[in-house]
């Protein structure tokens, strides 16, 4: 009986060592498939620019996808230029330059479908603001029945600046932000665009007050 008990006590340890030994060796050598390794996810790369233009207010990028404009974007001053490399990119660049010369004529481009239903409502309201006029975020929010903060976020997410003139949305006490920025090259671009439309940035507030007074009468 004692021999049977001894066999019972020893045998499980031997078997355990037999099937765990390879795992221990794999852990030591780093070949164990379930070692602690951080999981990583790859963010899809954005499409290359079809053109990067040097415009009076700074560098401006154009992305083309499926024969539509998928994005227009203000770029840092150090961004290298890229000549328009497709027929559509060339046409878009020409239209943008023509619009800069005559900003009171709406800039019409073939745009990709972007944004949520709410964002699209905001962007449509921005497109309804005539060149040479501005609206405050609060005024636009009241028109759309939303909060100024939500409206500001939708403005900042605008993928088609110039076509959707988010630069015409200003703060109640001045120029406000632009593309989620409060200074730097983006604010400089907003100032230039307002000035080009005959609304100097330092007069944006008074121009908006005139507009509000006219509609209050």
Foldseek 3Di string as FASTA:
>chain_A
DVVVVVCVVPVVVVVVCVVCVVVVVCVVVVNRPPDDDDDDDDDDDDDDFLWWDQDPLAIKTWDDDPNFTAFIDGDDRVDDTDHRDDPLSVVLVVLVVVCLVPVQDQRDGRHDDDDDPVLVVLLVVQQPAGQLAAAELVVSCVVVVHDSVVSVVSQLVDRYDSNSPSLRYAHLQFSHAHNPHDDDSRVSSSQVSNVSSVQHRRNRNVRNVVVVVVVVD
